[in-house]
Amino acid sequence: MRVTKKRTFVKTAIYRVWILITSYIFLSIVGKSWSDSILPTLTLNFLYSIGYYTYDRIWQNIKWGIKK
């Protein structure tokens, strides 16, 4: 199997939009000062790791853009 460049681009673009939206929502909810941002930063990184893993696993089941 070969993944096309178009598939990789679309996957990357959708993921970046996802990160922008969820970051905005989370930071709006938290609304802390810069000095208080370490815990939210670590939490975001942990949650986004789980989110990306789930996102990638979903893409593994999408057959569009894969050539044999």
PDB file of N, CA and C in Angstrom:
ATOM      1  N   MET A   1       0.831  -1.185   0.000  1.00  0.00           N
ATOM      2  CA  MET A   1       0.000   0.000   0.000  1.00  0.00           C
ATOM      3  C   MET A   1       0.875   1.249   0.000  1.00  0.00           C
ATOM      4  N   ARG A   2       0.347   2.303  -0.603  1.00  0.00           N
ATOM      5  CA  ARG A   2       1.045   3.582  -0.655  1.00  0.00           C
ATOM      6  C   ARG A   2       0.053   4.682  -0.329  1.00  0.00           C
ATOM      7  N   VAL A   3       0.413   5.541   0.595  1.00  0.00           N
ATOM      8  CA  VAL A   3      -0.431   6.681   0.980  1.00  0.00           C
ATOM      9  C   VAL A   3      -0.070   7.852   0.082  1.00  0.00           C
ATOM     10  N   THR A   4      -1.092   8.481  -0.516  1.00  0.00           N
ATOM     11  CA  THR A   4      -0.838   9.592  -1.426  1.00  0.00           C
ATOM     12  C   THR A   4      -0.492  10.871  -0.656  1.00  0.00           C
ATOM     13  N   LYS A   5       0.196  11.781  -1.346  1.00  0.00           N
ATOM     14  CA  LYS A   5       0.542  13.069  -0.743  1.00  0.00           C
ATOM     15  C   LYS A   5      -0.717  13.875  -0.435  1.00  0.00           C
ATOM     16  N   LYS A   6      -1.729  13.746  -1.274  1.00  0.00           N
ATOM     17  CA  LYS A   6      -2.983  14.456  -1.054  1.00  0.00           C
ATOM     18  C   LYS A   6      -3.633  13.995   0.250  1.00  0.00           C
ATOM     19  N   ARG A   7      -3.628  12.691   0.503  1.00  0.00           N
ATOM     20  CA  ARG A   7      -4.186  12.154   1.737  1.00  0.00           C
ATOM     21  C   ARG A   7      -3.428  12.711   2.944  1.00  0.00           C
ATOM     22  N   THR A   8      -2.103  12.725   2.872  1.00  0.00           N
ATOM     23  CA  THR A   8      -1.293  13.245   3.975  1.00  0.00           C
ATOM     24  C   THR A   8      -1.590  14.713   4.216  1.00  0.00           C
ATOM     25  N   PHE A   9      -1.712  15.506   3.158  1.00  0.00           N
ATOM     26  CA  PHE A   9      -2.021  16.926   3.302  1.00  0.00           C
ATOM     27  C   PHE A   9      -3.385  17.135   3.950  1.00  0.00           C
ATOM     28  N   VAL A  10      -4.393  16.427   3.477  1.00  0.00           N
ATOM     29  CA  VAL A  10      -5.738  16.571   4.026  1.00  0.00           C
ATOM     30  C   VAL A  10      -5.755  16.154   5.495  1.00  0.00           C
ATOM     31  N   LYS A  11      -5.103  15.057   5.814  1.00  0.00           N
ATOM     32  CA  LYS A  11      -5.026  14.584   7.192  1.00  0.00           C
ATOM     33  C   LYS A  11      -4.355  15.632   8.081  1.00  0.00           C
ATOM     34  N   THR A  12      -3.274  16.217   7.623  1.00  0.00           N
ATOM     35  CA  THR A  12      -2.554  17.232   8.389  1.00  0.00           C
ATOM     36  C   THR A  12      -3.399  18.489   8.560  1.00  0.00           C
ATOM     37  N   ALA A  13      -4.036  18.943   7.501  1.00  0.00           N
ATOM     38  CA  ALA A  13      -4.856  20.158   7.569  1.00  0.00           C
ATOM     39  C   ALA A  13      -6.016  19.991   8.545  1.00  0.00           C
ATOM     40  N   ILE A  14      -6.688  18.863   8.498  1.00  0.00           N
ATOM     41  CA  ILE A  14      -7.802  18.614   9.409  1.00  0.00           C
ATOM     42  C   ILE A  14      -7.298  18.561  10.843  1.00  0.00           C
ATOM     43  N   TYR A  15      -6.180  17.936  11.073  1.00  0.00           N
ATOM     44  CA  TYR A  15      -5.629  17.843  12.426  1.00  0.00           C
ATOM     45  C   TYR A  15      -5.282  19.237  12.967  1.00  0.00           C
ATOM     46  N   ARG A  16      -4.677  20.090  12.149  1.00  0.00           N
ATOM     47  CA  ARG A  16      -4.309  21.431  12.603  1.00  0.00           C
ATOM     48  C   ARG A  16      -5.546  22.254  12.946  1.00  0.00           C
ATOM     49  N   VAL A  17      -6.607  22.141  12.161  1.00  0.00           N
ATOM     50  CA  VAL A  17      -7.856  22.836  12.474  1.00  0.00           C
ATOM     51  C   VAL A  17      -8.407  22.316  13.802  1.00  0.00           C
ATOM     52  N   TRP A  18      -8.360  21.020  13.998  1.00  0.00           N
ATOM     53  CA  TRP A  18      -8.800  20.410  15.248  1.00  0.00           C
ATOM     54  C   TRP A  18      -8.025  20.988  16.439  1.00  0.00           C
ATOM     55  N   ILE A  19      -6.710  21.100  16.317  1.00  0.00           N
ATOM     56  CA  ILE A  19      -5.878  21.647  17.386  1.00  0.00           C
ATOM     57  C   ILE A  19      -6.236  23.107  17.662  1.00  0.00           C
ATOM     58  N   LEU A  20      -6.417  23.905  16.626  1.00  0.00           N
ATOM     59  CA  LEU A  20      -6.771  25.309  16.813  1.00  0.00           C
ATOM     60  C   LEU A  20      -8.089  25.465  17.571  1.00  0.00           C
ATOM     61  N   ILE A  21      -9.092  24.722  17.167  1.00  0.00           N
ATOM     62  CA  ILE A  21     -10.409  24.830  17.806  1.00  0.00           C
ATOM     63  C   ILE A  21     -10.365  24.369  19.252  1.00  0.00           C
ATOM     64  N   THR A  22      -9.792  23.208  19.493  1.00  0.00           N
ATOM     65  CA  THR A  22      -9.777  22.672  20.852  1.00  0.00           C
ATOM     66  C   THR A  22      -8.870  23.481  21.773  1.00  0.00           C
ATOM     67  N   SER A  23      -7.774  24.023  21.261  1.00  0.00           N
ATOM     68  CA  SER A  23      -6.913  24.883  22.079  1.00  0.00           C
ATOM     69  C   SER A  23      -7.668  26.139  22.499  1.00  0.00           C
ATOM     70  N   TYR A  24      -8.358  26.752  21.565  1.00  0.00           N
ATOM     71  CA  TYR A  24      -9.123  27.957  21.869  1.00  0.00           C
ATOM     72  C   TYR A  24     -10.174  27.664  22.941  1.00  0.00           C
ATOM     73  N   ILE A  25     -10.917  26.582  22.795  1.00  0.00           N
ATOM     74  CA  ILE A  25     -11.948  26.234  23.778  1.00  0.00           C
ATOM     75  C   ILE A  25     -11.327  25.991  25.142  1.00  0.00           C
ATOM     76  N   PHE A  26     -10.278  25.192  25.196  1.00  0.00           N
ATOM     77  CA  PHE A  26      -9.666  24.867  26.481  1.00  0.00           C
ATOM     78  C   PHE A  26      -9.097  26.120  27.153  1.00  0.00           C
ATOM     79  N   LEU A  27      -8.360  26.922  26.417  1.00  0.00           N
ATOM     80  CA  LEU A  27      -7.763  28.115  27.003  1.00  0.00           C
ATOM     81  C   LEU A  27      -8.821  29.141  27.404  1.00  0.00           C
ATOM     82  N   SER A  28      -9.931  29.191  26.719  1.00  0.00           N
ATOM     83  CA  SER A  28     -11.029  30.067  27.109  1.00  0.00           C
ATOM     84  C   SER A  28     -11.643  29.615  28.431  1.00  0.00           C
ATOM     85  N   ILE A  29     -11.746  28.330  28.618  1.00  0.00           N
ATOM     86  CA  ILE A  29     -12.300  27.782  29.855  1.00  0.00           C
ATOM     87  C   ILE A  29     -11.344  28.025  31.019  1.00  0.00           C
ATOM     88  N   VAL A  30     -10.069  27.775  30.789  1.00  0.00           N
ATOM     89  CA  VAL A  30      -9.074  27.894  31.853  1.00  0.00           C
ATOM     90  C   VAL A  30      -8.837  29.354  32.214  1.00  0.00           C
ATOM     91  N   GLY A  31      -8.506  30.193  31.233  1.00  0.00           N
ATOM     92  CA  GLY A  31      -8.314  31.616  31.419  1.00  0.00           C
ATOM     93  C   GLY A  31      -7.344  32.005  32.529  1.00  0.00           C
ATOM     94  N   LYS A  32      -6.254  31.299  32.660  1.00  0.00           N
ATOM     95  CA  LYS A  32      -5.280  31.571  33.719  1.00  0.00           C
ATOM     96  C   LYS A  32      -4.183  32.508  33.233  1.00  0.00           C
ATOM     97  N   SER A  33      -3.399  33.037  34.195  1.00  0.00           N
ATOM     98  CA  SER A  33      -2.270  33.902  33.851  1.00  0.00           C
ATOM     99  C   SER A  33      -1.111  33.058  33.317  1.00  0.00           C
ATOM    100  N   TRP A  34      -0.110  33.757  32.747  1.00  0.00           N
ATOM    101  CA  TRP A  34       1.052  33.066  32.181  1.00  0.00           C
ATOM    102  C   TRP A  34       1.760  32.216  33.225  1.00  0.00           C
ATOM    103  N   SER A  35       1.870  32.727  34.444  1.00  0.00           N
ATOM    104  CA  SER A  35       2.583  31.981  35.490  1.00  0.00           C
ATOM    105  C   SER A  35       1.827  30.732  35.935  1.00  0.00           C
ATOM    106  N   ASP A  36       0.549  30.721  35.695  1.00  0.00           N
ATOM    107  CA  ASP A  36      -0.259  29.551  36.067  1.00  0.00           C
ATOM    108  C   ASP A  36      -0.478  28.592  34.901  1.00  0.00           C
ATOM    109  N   SER A  37       0.254  28.781  33.830  1.00  0.00           N
ATOM    110  CA  SER A  37      -0.029  28.011  32.617  1.00  0.00           C
ATOM    111  C   SER A  37       0.676  26.664  32.530  1.00  0.00           C
ATOM    112  N   ILE A  38       1.565  26.346  33.460  1.00  0.00           N
ATOM    113  CA  ILE A  38       2.324  25.095  33.325  1.00  0.00           C
ATOM    114  C   ILE A  38       1.426  23.858  33.411  1.00  0.00           C
ATOM    115  N   LEU A  39       0.523  23.828  34.364  1.00  0.00           N
ATOM    116  CA  LEU A  39      -0.366  22.674  34.494  1.00  0.00           C
ATOM    117  C   LEU A  39      -1.279  22.522  33.276  1.00  0.00           C
ATOM    118  N   PRO A  40      -1.929  23.607  32.823  1.00  0.00           N
ATOM    119  CA  PRO A  40      -2.733  23.452  31.605  1.00  0.00           C
ATOM    120  C   PRO A  40      -1.906  23.011  30.390  1.00  0.00           C
ATOM    121  N   THR A  41      -0.669  23.501  30.303  1.00  0.00           N
ATOM    122  CA  THR A  41       0.179  23.110  29.183  1.00  0.00           C
ATOM    123  C   THR A  41       0.478  21.615  29.212  1.00  0.00           C
ATOM    124  N   LEU A  42       0.853  21.121  30.377  1.00  0.00           N
ATOM    125  CA  LEU A  42       1.125  19.681  30.508  1.00  0.00           C
ATOM    126  C   LEU A  42      -0.137  18.862  30.260  1.00  0.00           C
ATOM    127  N   THR A  43      -1.251  19.353  30.778  1.00  0.00           N
ATOM    128  CA  THR A  43      -2.520  18.653  30.576  1.00  0.00           C
ATOM    129  C   THR A  43      -2.894  18.618  29.104  1.00  0.00           C
ATOM    130  N   LEU A  44      -2.754  19.768  28.430  1.00  0.00           N
ATOM    131  CA  LEU A  44      -3.059  19.814  26.991  1.00  0.00           C
ATOM    132  C   LEU A  44      -2.201  18.834  26.204  1.00  0.00           C
ATOM    133  N   ASN A  45      -0.916  18.811  26.499  1.00  0.00           N
ATOM    134  CA  ASN A  45      -0.036  17.892  25.780  1.00  0.00           C
ATOM    135  C   ASN A  45      -0.441  16.442  25.997  1.00  0.00           C
ATOM    136  N   PHE A  46      -0.803  16.095  27.211  1.00  0.00           N
ATOM    137  CA  PHE A  46      -1.253  14.733  27.504  1.00  0.00           C
ATOM    138  C   PHE A  46      -2.548  14.419  26.753  1.00  0.00           C
ATOM    139  N   LEU A  47      -3.517  15.327  26.843  1.00  0.00           N
ATOM    140  CA  LEU A  47      -4.804  15.098  26.181  1.00  0.00           C
ATOM    141  C   LEU A  47      -4.669  15.065  24.663  1.00  0.00           C
ATOM    142  N   TYR A  48      -3.822  15.949  24.113  1.00  0.00           N
ATOM    143  CA  TYR A  48      -3.622  15.937  22.667  1.00  0.00           C
ATOM    144  C   TYR A  48      -2.895  14.688  22.189  1.00  0.00           C
ATOM    145  N   SER A  49      -2.068  14.118  23.020  1.00  0.00           N
ATOM    146  CA  SER A  49      -1.428  12.854  22.656  1.00  0.00           C
ATOM    147  C   SER A  49      -2.481  11.764  22.513  1.00  0.00           C
ATOM    148  N   ILE A  50      -3.395  11.720  23.459  1.00  0.00           N
ATOM    149  CA  ILE A  50      -4.498  10.758  23.380  1.00  0.00           C
ATOM    150  C   ILE A  50      -5.383  11.083  22.177  1.00  0.00           C
ATOM    151  N   GLY A  51      -5.666  12.376  21.989  1.00  0.00           N
ATOM    152  CA  GLY A  51      -6.488  12.798  20.859  1.00  0.00           C
ATOM    153  C   GLY A  51      -5.870  12.444  19.522  1.00  0.00           C
ATOM    154  N   TYR A  52      -4.569  12.670  19.373  1.00  0.00           N
ATOM    155  CA  TYR A  52      -3.918  12.356  18.107  1.00  0.00           C
ATOM    156  C   TYR A  52      -3.894  10.850  17.868  1.00  0.00           C
ATOM    157  N   TYR A  53      -3.651  10.079  18.910  1.00  0.00           N
ATOM    158  CA  TYR A  53      -3.650   8.618  18.764  1.00  0.00           C
ATOM    159  C   TYR A  53      -5.016   8.153  18.250  1.00  0.00           C
ATOM    160  N   THR A  54      -6.080   8.660  18.863  1.00  0.00           N
ATOM    161  CA  THR A  54      -7.434   8.298  18.430  1.00  0.00           C
ATOM    162  C   THR A  54      -7.681   8.747  16.997  1.00  0.00           C
ATOM    163  N   TYR A  55      -7.286   9.965  16.689  1.00  0.00           N
ATOM    164  CA  TYR A  55      -7.422  10.525  15.344  1.00  0.00           C
ATOM    165  C   TYR A  55      -6.699   9.656  14.305  1.00  0.00           C
ATOM    166  N   ASP A  56      -5.480   9.270  14.603  1.00  0.00           N
ATOM    167  CA  ASP A  56      -4.707   8.459  13.673  1.00  0.00           C
ATOM    168  C   ASP A  56      -5.320   7.073  13.499  1.00  0.00           C
ATOM    169  N   ARG A  57      -5.829   6.497  14.578  1.00  0.00           N
ATOM    170  CA  ARG A  57      -6.467   5.179  14.487  1.00  0.00           C
ATOM    171  C   ARG A  57      -7.720   5.248  13.618  1.00  0.00           C
ATOM    172  N   ILE A  58      -8.468   6.357  13.705  1.00  0.00           N
ATOM    173  CA  ILE A  58      -9.637   6.533  12.839  1.00  0.00           C
ATOM    174  C   ILE A  58      -9.193   6.589  11.387  1.00  0.00           C
ATOM    175  N   TRP A  59      -8.109   7.338  11.100  1.00  0.00           N
ATOM    176  CA  TRP A  59      -7.604   7.435   9.732  1.00  0.00           C
ATOM    177  C   TRP A  59      -7.108   6.091   9.210  1.00  0.00           C
ATOM    178  N   GLN A  60      -6.673   5.224  10.073  1.00  0.00           N
ATOM    179  CA  GLN A  60      -6.230   3.902   9.631  1.00  0.00           C
ATOM    180  C   GLN A  60      -7.374   3.113   9.001  1.00  0.00           C
ATOM    181  N   ASN A  61      -8.608   3.440   9.365  1.00  0.00           N
ATOM    182  CA  ASN A  61      -9.778   2.746   8.834  1.00  0.00           C
ATOM    183  C   ASN A  61     -10.386   3.414   7.618  1.00  0.00           C
ATOM    184  N   ILE A  62      -9.853   4.560   7.212  1.00  0.00           N
ATOM    185  CA  ILE A  62     -10.354   5.274   6.037  1.00  0.00           C
ATOM    186  C   ILE A  62      -9.515   4.828   4.846  1.00  0.00           C
ATOM    187  N   LYS A  63     -10.173   4.293   3.857  1.00  0.00           N
ATOM    188  CA  LYS A  63      -9.464   3.729   2.704  1.00  0.00           C
ATOM    189  C   LYS A  63      -9.152   4.750   1.612  1.00  0.00           C
ATOM    190  N   TRP A  64      -9.736   5.953   1.692  1.00  0.00           N
ATOM    191  CA  TRP A  64      -9.536   6.980   0.689  1.00  0.00           C
ATOM    192  C   TRP A  64      -8.050   7.395   0.641  1.00  0.00           C
ATOM    193  N   GLY A  65      -7.499   7.489  -0.571  1.00  0.00           N
ATOM    194  CA  GLY A  65      -6.138   7.979  -0.754  1.00  0.00           C
ATOM    195  C   GLY A  65      -5.055   6.928  -0.600  1.00  0.00           C
ATOM    196  N   ILE A  66      -5.437   5.680  -0.392  1.00  0.00           N
ATOM    197  CA  ILE A  66      -4.458   4.605  -0.266  1.00  0.00           C
ATOM    198  C   ILE A  66      -4.488   3.779  -1.542  1.00  0.00           C
ATOM    199  N   LYS A  67      -3.320   3.621  -2.144  1.00  0.00           N
ATOM    200  CA  LYS A  67      -3.219   2.831  -3.372  1.00  0.00           C
ATOM    201  C   LYS A  67      -2.477   1.547  -3.077  1.00  0.00           C
ATOM    202  N   LYS A  68      -2.918   0.473  -3.680  1.00  0.00           N
ATOM    203  CA  LYS A  68      -2.247  -0.810  -3.502  1.00  0.00           C
ATOM    204  C   LYS A  68      -1.135  -0.992  -4.494  1.00  0.00           C
TER     205      LYS A  68
END
